[in-house]
Amino acid sequence: MTHKILSALSYLSILFLPVLFPLVVWIAAAGQRDVTTHAARAFWTQLLPTLMAFGIFFFVAVYGLTIGPNAGMGWLTLLFIGAFGLASLVLWFYNIVMGIRVLLD
C-alpha cells in the first residue's frame, strides 16, 4: 500500500513540491522498482516544463540582444511561449491523472 501512495505522491507533488519530491523518492526508494519507475517518470514530466522555460528565457534574451532585421521574430517568440504553455498544461494534467490512476490500481 505504501508503494502506491509514494508512487501517487510522486505524480501529485506537482501541486505542492514539483521536481524535488519525485527526485527524493527516486533516490530514497532505490530498491523498489515500481516506486522508482513512477518517481522517475514524475520527475522528468515535472522537470521538462522547467527546462523549456529556461530555453524560452534564453531564446528571448538572445533575441533581445540582437539588433537588426529580426523584427519578425516577435511572432516566433509568442509561438514558443504558447507552445510552452500548452505543453506545461498537458504535463500538469498528465501528472494529476497518473497520480489518481496509480491510487486506483
N, C-alpha and C. Protein backbone atom coordinates (compact mmCIF):
# COMPACT_ATOMS: atom_id res chain seq x y z
N MET A 1 0.81 -1.20 0.00
CA MET A 1 0.00 0.00 0.00
C MET A 1 0.86 1.27 0.00
N THR A 2 1.94 1.26 0.77
CA THR A 2 2.80 2.45 0.81
C THR A 2 3.50 2.69 -0.54
N HIS A 3 3.69 1.60 -1.29
CA HIS A 3 4.28 1.76 -2.62
C HIS A 3 3.35 2.58 -3.51
N LYS A 4 2.07 2.29 -3.44
CA LYS A 4 1.10 3.03 -4.24
C LYS A 4 1.05 4.50 -3.81
N ILE A 5 1.08 4.72 -2.52
CA ILE A 5 1.00 6.09 -2.01
C ILE A 5 2.22 6.89 -2.43
N LEU A 6 3.41 6.30 -2.29
CA LEU A 6 4.63 7.01 -2.71
C LEU A 6 4.62 7.28 -4.21
N SER A 7 4.18 6.29 -4.99
CA SER A 7 4.13 6.48 -6.44
C SER A 7 3.14 7.57 -6.80
N ALA A 8 1.96 7.55 -6.18
CA ALA A 8 0.95 8.56 -6.47
C ALA A 8 1.40 9.94 -6.01
N LEU A 9 2.02 10.02 -4.85
CA LEU A 9 2.51 11.32 -4.36
C LEU A 9 3.61 11.89 -5.25
N SER A 10 4.36 11.01 -5.90
CA SER A 10 5.39 11.50 -6.83
C SER A 10 4.74 12.28 -7.96
N TYR A 11 3.63 11.77 -8.46
CA TYR A 11 2.91 12.49 -9.52
C TYR A 11 2.17 13.71 -8.97
N LEU A 12 1.49 13.53 -7.84
CA LEU A 12 0.67 14.61 -7.29
C LEU A 12 1.50 15.72 -6.66
N SER A 13 2.79 15.50 -6.52
CA SER A 13 3.65 16.54 -5.96
C SER A 13 3.74 17.76 -6.87
N ILE A 14 3.21 17.65 -8.07
CA ILE A 14 3.17 18.83 -8.95
C ILE A 14 2.35 19.93 -8.31
N LEU A 15 1.50 19.57 -7.36
CA LEU A 15 0.67 20.55 -6.68
C LEU A 15 1.36 21.20 -5.49
N PHE A 16 2.33 20.50 -4.88
CA PHE A 16 2.93 21.05 -3.67
C PHE A 16 4.45 21.12 -3.67
N LEU A 17 5.15 20.26 -4.34
CA LEU A 17 6.62 20.32 -4.36
C LEU A 17 7.14 19.66 -5.64
N PRO A 18 6.91 20.31 -6.79
CA PRO A 18 7.31 19.68 -8.04
C PRO A 18 8.81 19.52 -8.17
N VAL A 19 9.21 18.54 -8.89
CA VAL A 19 10.59 18.19 -9.24
C VAL A 19 11.35 17.65 -8.03
N LEU A 20 11.33 18.33 -6.91
CA LEU A 20 12.13 17.92 -5.76
C LEU A 20 11.60 16.65 -5.10
N PHE A 21 10.30 16.56 -4.87
CA PHE A 21 9.75 15.38 -4.20
C PHE A 21 9.96 14.10 -5.01
N PRO A 22 9.66 14.09 -6.32
CA PRO A 22 9.93 12.85 -7.07
C PRO A 22 11.41 12.48 -7.08
N LEU A 23 12.28 13.47 -7.10
CA LEU A 23 13.71 13.18 -7.07
C LEU A 23 14.11 12.52 -5.76
N VAL A 24 13.59 13.03 -4.65
CA VAL A 24 13.90 12.44 -3.33
C VAL A 24 13.36 11.02 -3.25
N VAL A 25 12.13 10.81 -3.73
CA VAL A 25 11.54 9.46 -3.71
C VAL A 25 12.33 8.54 -4.62
N TRP A 26 12.74 9.01 -5.77
CA TRP A 26 13.51 8.22 -6.72
C TRP A 26 14.82 7.76 -6.08
N ILE A 27 15.48 8.63 -5.36
CA ILE A 27 16.75 8.29 -4.72
C ILE A 27 16.53 7.40 -3.49
N ALA A 28 15.53 7.75 -2.68
CA ALA A 28 15.31 7.03 -1.42
C ALA A 28 14.76 5.62 -1.63
N ALA A 29 13.99 5.40 -2.68
CA ALA A 29 13.37 4.09 -2.91
C ALA A 29 14.14 3.31 -3.97
N ALA A 30 15.44 3.31 -3.85
CA ALA A 30 16.28 2.72 -4.89
C ALA A 30 16.03 1.22 -5.08
N GLY A 31 15.61 0.50 -4.07
CA GLY A 31 15.42 -0.94 -4.19
C GLY A 31 14.03 -1.34 -4.63
N GLN A 32 13.12 -0.42 -4.73
CA GLN A 32 11.73 -0.74 -5.07
C GLN A 32 11.45 -0.30 -6.51
N ARG A 33 11.47 -1.25 -7.40
CA ARG A 33 11.41 -0.96 -8.84
C ARG A 33 10.15 -0.21 -9.26
N ASP A 34 9.00 -0.60 -8.74
CA ASP A 34 7.76 0.06 -9.16
C ASP A 34 7.70 1.52 -8.70
N VAL A 35 8.19 1.78 -7.51
CA VAL A 35 8.20 3.16 -6.99
C VAL A 35 9.19 4.01 -7.77
N THR A 36 10.37 3.46 -8.03
CA THR A 36 11.38 4.25 -8.75
C THR A 36 10.95 4.53 -10.19
N THR A 37 10.22 3.60 -10.80
CA THR A 37 9.73 3.82 -12.16
C THR A 37 8.77 5.01 -12.20
N HIS A 38 7.81 5.01 -11.27
CA HIS A 38 6.85 6.12 -11.23
C HIS A 38 7.52 7.43 -10.81
N ALA A 39 8.44 7.36 -9.85
CA ALA A 39 9.11 8.58 -9.39
C ALA A 39 9.97 9.17 -10.51
N ALA A 40 10.65 8.32 -11.27
CA ALA A 40 11.47 8.82 -12.38
C ALA A 40 10.60 9.46 -13.45
N ARG A 41 9.49 8.82 -13.78
CA ARG A 41 8.59 9.38 -14.79
C ARG A 41 8.01 10.71 -14.32
N ALA A 42 7.62 10.77 -13.05
CA ALA A 42 7.09 12.02 -12.49
C ALA A 42 8.16 13.10 -12.48
N PHE A 43 9.39 12.73 -12.13
CA PHE A 43 10.49 13.70 -12.11
C PHE A 43 10.70 14.33 -13.48
N TRP A 44 10.77 13.49 -14.51
CA TRP A 44 11.04 14.02 -15.85
C TRP A 44 9.88 14.81 -16.41
N THR A 45 8.63 14.38 -16.11
CA THR A 45 7.49 15.14 -16.62
C THR A 45 7.29 16.45 -15.87
N GLN A 46 7.88 16.57 -14.70
CA GLN A 46 7.81 17.83 -13.97
C GLN A 46 9.02 18.70 -14.27
N LEU A 47 10.13 18.09 -14.66
CA LEU A 47 11.33 18.87 -14.98
C LEU A 47 11.26 19.45 -16.39
N LEU A 48 10.58 18.78 -17.30
CA LEU A 48 10.52 19.23 -18.69
C LEU A 48 9.99 20.65 -18.85
N PRO A 49 8.88 21.04 -18.19
CA PRO A 49 8.44 22.43 -18.33
C PRO A 49 9.47 23.44 -17.79
N THR A 50 10.19 23.07 -16.76
CA THR A 50 11.23 23.95 -16.22
C THR A 50 12.34 24.14 -17.24
N LEU A 51 12.76 23.06 -17.87
CA LEU A 51 13.81 23.17 -18.89
C LEU A 51 13.32 23.97 -20.10
N MET A 52 12.06 23.77 -20.48
CA MET A 52 11.51 24.55 -21.59
C MET A 52 11.44 26.04 -21.24
N ALA A 53 11.12 26.36 -20.00
CA ALA A 53 11.06 27.76 -19.58
C ALA A 53 12.44 28.40 -19.67
N PHE A 54 13.48 27.68 -19.24
CA PHE A 54 14.83 28.22 -19.36
C PHE A 54 15.22 28.39 -20.83
N GLY A 55 14.82 27.45 -21.68
CA GLY A 55 15.10 27.56 -23.11
C GLY A 55 14.43 28.78 -23.72
N ILE A 56 13.17 29.01 -23.37
CA ILE A 56 12.46 30.17 -23.90
C ILE A 56 13.07 31.46 -23.36
N PHE A 57 13.43 31.46 -22.07
CA PHE A 57 14.08 32.63 -21.50
C PHE A 57 15.38 32.93 -22.22
N PHE A 58 16.17 31.89 -22.50
CA PHE A 58 17.43 32.07 -23.22
C PHE A 58 17.16 32.60 -24.63
N PHE A 59 16.16 32.04 -25.32
CA PHE A 59 15.82 32.49 -26.66
C PHE A 59 15.41 33.96 -26.66
N VAL A 60 14.55 34.34 -25.71
CA VAL A 60 14.09 35.73 -25.64
C VAL A 60 15.24 36.66 -25.28
N ALA A 61 16.14 36.21 -24.40
CA ALA A 61 17.29 37.04 -24.02
C ALA A 61 18.22 37.26 -25.21
N VAL A 62 18.50 36.21 -25.96
CA VAL A 62 19.37 36.35 -27.13
C VAL A 62 18.68 37.20 -28.19
N TYR A 63 17.38 36.98 -28.37
CA TYR A 63 16.61 37.77 -29.33
C TYR A 63 16.62 39.25 -28.93
N GLY A 64 16.53 39.52 -27.64
CA GLY A 64 16.53 40.90 -27.17
C GLY A 64 17.87 41.60 -27.35
N LEU A 65 18.95 40.83 -27.39
CA LEU A 65 20.28 41.41 -27.55
C LEU A 65 20.62 41.69 -29.01
N THR A 66 19.88 41.06 -29.92
CA THR A 66 20.20 41.27 -31.33
C THR A 66 19.50 42.52 -31.84
N ILE A 67 20.16 43.17 -32.75
CA ILE A 67 19.61 44.38 -33.36
C ILE A 67 19.66 44.17 -34.87
N GLY A 68 18.60 44.53 -35.54
CA GLY A 68 18.64 44.41 -36.99
C GLY A 68 17.36 43.87 -37.56
N PRO A 69 17.47 43.01 -38.56
CA PRO A 69 16.29 42.58 -39.32
C PRO A 69 15.47 41.48 -38.63
N ASN A 70 15.49 41.43 -37.33
CA ASN A 70 14.76 40.39 -36.60
C ASN A 70 13.40 40.85 -36.11
N ALA A 71 12.82 41.82 -36.75
CA ALA A 71 11.54 42.37 -36.31
C ALA A 71 10.43 41.33 -36.38
N GLY A 72 10.53 40.38 -37.28
CA GLY A 72 9.51 39.34 -37.41
C GLY A 72 9.63 38.24 -36.38
N MET A 73 10.63 38.27 -35.55
CA MET A 73 10.85 37.22 -34.56
C MET A 73 9.87 37.29 -33.39
N GLY A 74 9.15 38.39 -33.25
CA GLY A 74 8.19 38.50 -32.16
C GLY A 74 7.12 37.43 -32.23
N TRP A 75 6.67 37.09 -33.44
CA TRP A 75 5.67 36.05 -33.61
C TRP A 75 6.23 34.70 -33.23
N LEU A 76 7.50 34.48 -33.55
CA LEU A 76 8.13 33.21 -33.17
C LEU A 76 8.23 33.09 -31.66
N THR A 77 8.55 34.19 -31.00
CA THR A 77 8.60 34.20 -29.55
C THR A 77 7.24 33.89 -28.96
N LEU A 78 6.19 34.51 -29.47
CA LEU A 78 4.84 34.21 -28.99
C LEU A 78 4.45 32.77 -29.26
N LEU A 79 4.87 32.22 -30.38
CA LEU A 79 4.60 30.83 -30.70
C LEU A 79 5.28 29.91 -29.70
N PHE A 80 6.55 30.19 -29.38
CA PHE A 80 7.27 29.39 -28.39
C PHE A 80 6.61 29.47 -27.02
N ILE A 81 6.23 30.66 -26.62
CA ILE A 81 5.60 30.82 -25.31
C ILE A 81 4.25 30.10 -25.28
N GLY A 82 3.48 30.16 -26.36
CA GLY A 82 2.22 29.44 -26.44
C GLY A 82 2.41 27.93 -26.40
N ALA A 83 3.40 27.44 -27.14
CA ALA A 83 3.69 26.00 -27.14
C ALA A 83 4.15 25.55 -25.76
N PHE A 84 4.96 26.37 -25.11
CA PHE A 84 5.41 26.06 -23.76
C PHE A 84 4.23 26.00 -22.80
N GLY A 85 3.34 26.96 -22.90
CA GLY A 85 2.16 26.97 -22.02
C GLY A 85 1.28 25.76 -22.24
N LEU A 86 1.07 25.39 -23.49
CA LEU A 86 0.25 24.22 -23.79
C LEU A 86 0.92 22.94 -23.30
N ALA A 87 2.21 22.79 -23.54
CA ALA A 87 2.93 21.60 -23.08
C ALA A 87 2.93 21.52 -21.56
N SER A 88 3.10 22.64 -20.89
CA SER A 88 3.08 22.65 -19.42
C SER A 88 1.72 22.23 -18.89
N LEU A 89 0.66 22.73 -19.52
CA LEU A 89 -0.70 22.38 -19.10
C LEU A 89 -0.97 20.89 -19.32
N VAL A 90 -0.55 20.36 -20.45
CA VAL A 90 -0.74 18.94 -20.74
C VAL A 90 0.03 18.09 -19.73
N LEU A 91 1.27 18.45 -19.43
CA LEU A 91 2.06 17.67 -18.47
C LEU A 91 1.50 17.81 -17.05
N TRP A 92 0.94 18.97 -16.71
CA TRP A 92 0.32 19.14 -15.41
C TRP A 92 -0.87 18.20 -15.26
N PHE A 93 -1.74 18.16 -16.27
CA PHE A 93 -2.89 17.25 -16.24
C PHE A 93 -2.44 15.79 -16.25
N TYR A 94 -1.39 15.49 -17.01
CA TYR A 94 -0.86 14.13 -17.05
C TYR A 94 -0.45 13.67 -15.66
N ASN A 95 0.26 14.52 -14.92
CA ASN A 95 0.70 14.16 -13.58
C ASN A 95 -0.48 13.95 -12.64
N ILE A 96 -1.50 14.79 -12.73
CA ILE A 96 -2.68 14.63 -11.88
C ILE A 96 -3.40 13.32 -12.21
N VAL A 97 -3.61 13.06 -13.49
CA VAL A 97 -4.31 11.83 -13.90
C VAL A 97 -3.51 10.59 -13.51
N MET A 98 -2.21 10.61 -13.71
CA MET A 98 -1.39 9.45 -13.34
C MET A 98 -1.38 9.21 -11.83
N GLY A 99 -1.37 10.29 -11.04
CA GLY A 99 -1.43 10.13 -9.59
C GLY A 99 -2.71 9.46 -9.15
N ILE A 100 -3.83 9.87 -9.73
CA ILE A 100 -5.12 9.26 -9.40
C ILE A 100 -5.18 7.82 -9.91
N ARG A 101 -4.64 7.63 -11.10
CA ARG A 101 -4.66 6.29 -11.69
C ARG A 101 -3.85 5.29 -10.86
N VAL A 102 -2.70 5.71 -10.38
CA VAL A 102 -1.87 4.82 -9.55
C VAL A 102 -2.60 4.50 -8.25
N LEU A 103 -3.27 5.47 -7.66
CA LEU A 103 -4.02 5.21 -6.43
C LEU A 103 -5.17 4.23 -6.65
N LEU A 104 -5.82 4.30 -7.81
CA LEU A 104 -6.98 3.45 -8.07
C LEU A 104 -6.60 2.05 -8.51
N ASP A 105 -5.39 1.84 -9.00
CA ASP A 105 -4.96 0.50 -9.44
C ASP A 105 -4.67 -0.41 -8.26
